Protein backbone atom coordinates (compact mmCIF):
# COMPACT_ATOMS: atom_id res chain seq x y z
CA MET A 1 157.53 85.48 128.74
CA ALA A 2 153.89 84.56 129.34
CA ASP A 3 151.24 84.50 126.62
CA THR A 4 148.61 87.15 127.05
CA GLN A 5 145.18 87.50 125.55
CA GLN A 6 143.10 90.65 125.26
CA VAL A 7 139.47 90.24 126.24
CA ASP A 8 136.77 92.64 125.14
CA GLU A 9 134.57 92.83 128.21
CA ALA A 10 132.02 95.03 126.44
CA ALA A 11 131.21 92.33 123.90
CA ASP A 12 128.08 90.31 124.64
CA PRO A 13 129.20 86.68 125.06
CA LYS A 14 125.88 85.23 123.89
CA PRO A 15 124.61 86.05 120.40
CA ASP A 16 121.25 87.72 119.92
CA ALA A 17 118.91 84.78 119.30
CA ARG A 18 116.25 86.94 117.65
CA ALA A 19 118.77 88.36 115.16
CA GLU A 20 120.02 84.85 114.40
CA ARG A 21 116.48 83.65 113.67
CA ARG A 22 115.86 86.64 111.40
CA ALA A 23 119.12 85.98 109.56
CA ALA A 24 118.21 82.30 109.16
CA ARG A 25 114.78 83.20 107.70
CA LEU A 26 116.35 85.66 105.27
CA ALA A 27 118.99 83.09 104.32
CA LYS A 28 116.23 80.62 103.41
CA ARG A 29 114.56 83.23 101.20
CA ILE A 30 117.89 83.99 99.54
CA GLU A 31 118.55 80.28 99.01
CA GLY A 32 115.08 79.87 97.51
CA PHE A 33 115.74 82.70 95.07
CA ALA A 34 119.08 81.18 94.13
CA ARG A 35 117.51 77.74 93.54
CA SER A 36 114.80 79.26 91.35
CA HIS A 37 117.26 81.20 89.21
CA GLY A 38 120.21 78.84 88.74
CA GLY A 39 122.28 80.49 91.45
CA ALA A 40 122.55 84.05 92.68
CA GLU A 41 124.91 86.82 93.65
CA GLY A 42 124.13 89.79 95.86
CA HIS A 43 124.96 93.22 97.16
CA ILE A 44 124.09 94.63 100.59
CA ALA A 45 123.03 98.28 100.70
CA TYR A 46 122.44 100.25 103.90
CA ILE A 47 119.03 101.95 103.72
CA GLY A 48 119.08 103.97 106.92
CA GLN A 49 116.76 103.28 109.84
CA ALA A 50 114.91 100.72 107.73
CA GLY A 51 118.00 98.47 107.84
CA ALA A 52 119.73 96.96 104.83
CA ARG A 53 118.59 95.74 101.44
CA VAL A 54 120.11 92.63 99.87
CA VAL A 55 119.80 92.96 96.10
CA LEU A 56 119.89 89.54 94.46
CA VAL A 57 120.73 88.80 90.84
CA GLY A 58 120.09 85.28 89.55
CA GLU A 59 122.25 83.52 87.00
CA ASP A 60 119.34 83.89 84.57
CA GLY A 61 119.39 87.69 84.95
CA GLU A 62 116.25 87.93 87.10
CA TRP A 63 116.59 90.09 90.17
CA GLY A 64 114.89 90.62 93.49
CA ASP A 65 115.64 91.78 96.99
CA VAL A 66 115.07 91.16 100.66
CA VAL A 67 115.26 93.69 103.49
CA ALA A 68 116.88 93.04 106.86
CA ARG A 69 116.33 95.12 110.00
CA THR A 70 120.07 95.71 110.36
CA TYR A 71 123.16 95.55 108.18
CA ALA A 72 124.59 92.88 110.51
CA ILE A 73 121.55 90.63 110.00
CA ALA A 74 121.87 91.07 106.23
CA GLU A 75 125.55 90.09 106.44
CA GLN A 76 124.68 87.01 108.50
CA ALA A 77 121.96 86.00 106.04
CA VAL A 78 124.15 86.18 102.94
CA LYS A 79 126.92 84.32 104.76
CA LYS A 80 124.50 81.54 105.76
CA SER A 81 123.06 81.36 102.23
CA GLY A 82 126.48 80.94 100.65
CA ILE A 83 125.98 83.41 97.79
CA THR A 84 128.75 85.62 96.43
CA VAL A 85 128.45 89.17 97.76
CA HIS A 86 129.78 92.15 95.81
CA GLU A 87 131.10 95.32 97.43
CA SER A 88 129.35 97.51 94.85
CA PHE A 89 126.53 97.21 92.37
CA ASP A 90 128.38 98.11 89.21
CA GLY A 91 130.45 96.68 86.38
CA GLU A 92 130.04 93.04 85.45
CA PHE A 93 127.67 92.39 88.34
CA ALA A 94 125.24 95.13 87.30
CA ASN A 95 125.42 93.95 83.69
CA LYS A 96 123.98 90.58 84.73
CA VAL A 97 120.59 92.17 85.52
CA ARG A 98 117.99 91.57 82.85
CA THR A 99 115.30 94.23 82.72
CA GLY A 100 112.03 94.02 80.86
CA PRO A 101 109.20 96.29 79.79
CA TYR A 102 107.85 96.58 83.34
CA GLU A 103 111.12 97.98 84.69
CA TRP A 104 111.52 100.40 81.77
CA THR A 105 107.97 101.66 82.17
CA ARG A 106 108.11 101.84 85.94
CA MET A 107 111.57 103.31 86.43
CA ALA A 108 112.28 105.29 83.28
CA GLY A 109 109.10 105.42 81.25
CA ILE A 110 108.14 108.96 82.15
CA GLN A 111 111.62 110.34 81.41
CA ILE A 112 111.90 108.67 77.99
CA GLY A 113 108.36 109.28 76.82
CA GLY A 114 106.87 105.96 77.87
CA PRO A 115 103.47 105.49 79.45
CA SER A 116 102.99 107.25 82.76
CA ASN A 117 103.03 105.24 85.95
CA PRO A 118 99.58 104.55 87.40
CA GLY A 119 99.04 106.23 90.74
CA ASN A 120 101.69 108.89 90.22
CA GLY A 121 99.37 111.66 89.21
């Protein structure tokens, strides 16, 4: 019996160089965030036509994000950066985020009686 191999002829044999460069640039930004905050973990969220958002949480509780044009580029970037990626932003991972007065005022201040957000009038 001979060995057989299935070939996907629709697949592009050469990777998209532009997407690889974008992923490499994002990976460097992710690595920089991780260095600045004692390490980092992340979560990739699809944000529609805008692409995908990689939410980063540093070991010190600081957080930030980067946006990729596509979910695939975001996946490549986090893989290249070597950070741990979570399937969801909840539980222990979400509890690592440290928020301060800015976040409370900006995101919840109006609802809990805090100062109103400038420019939202």
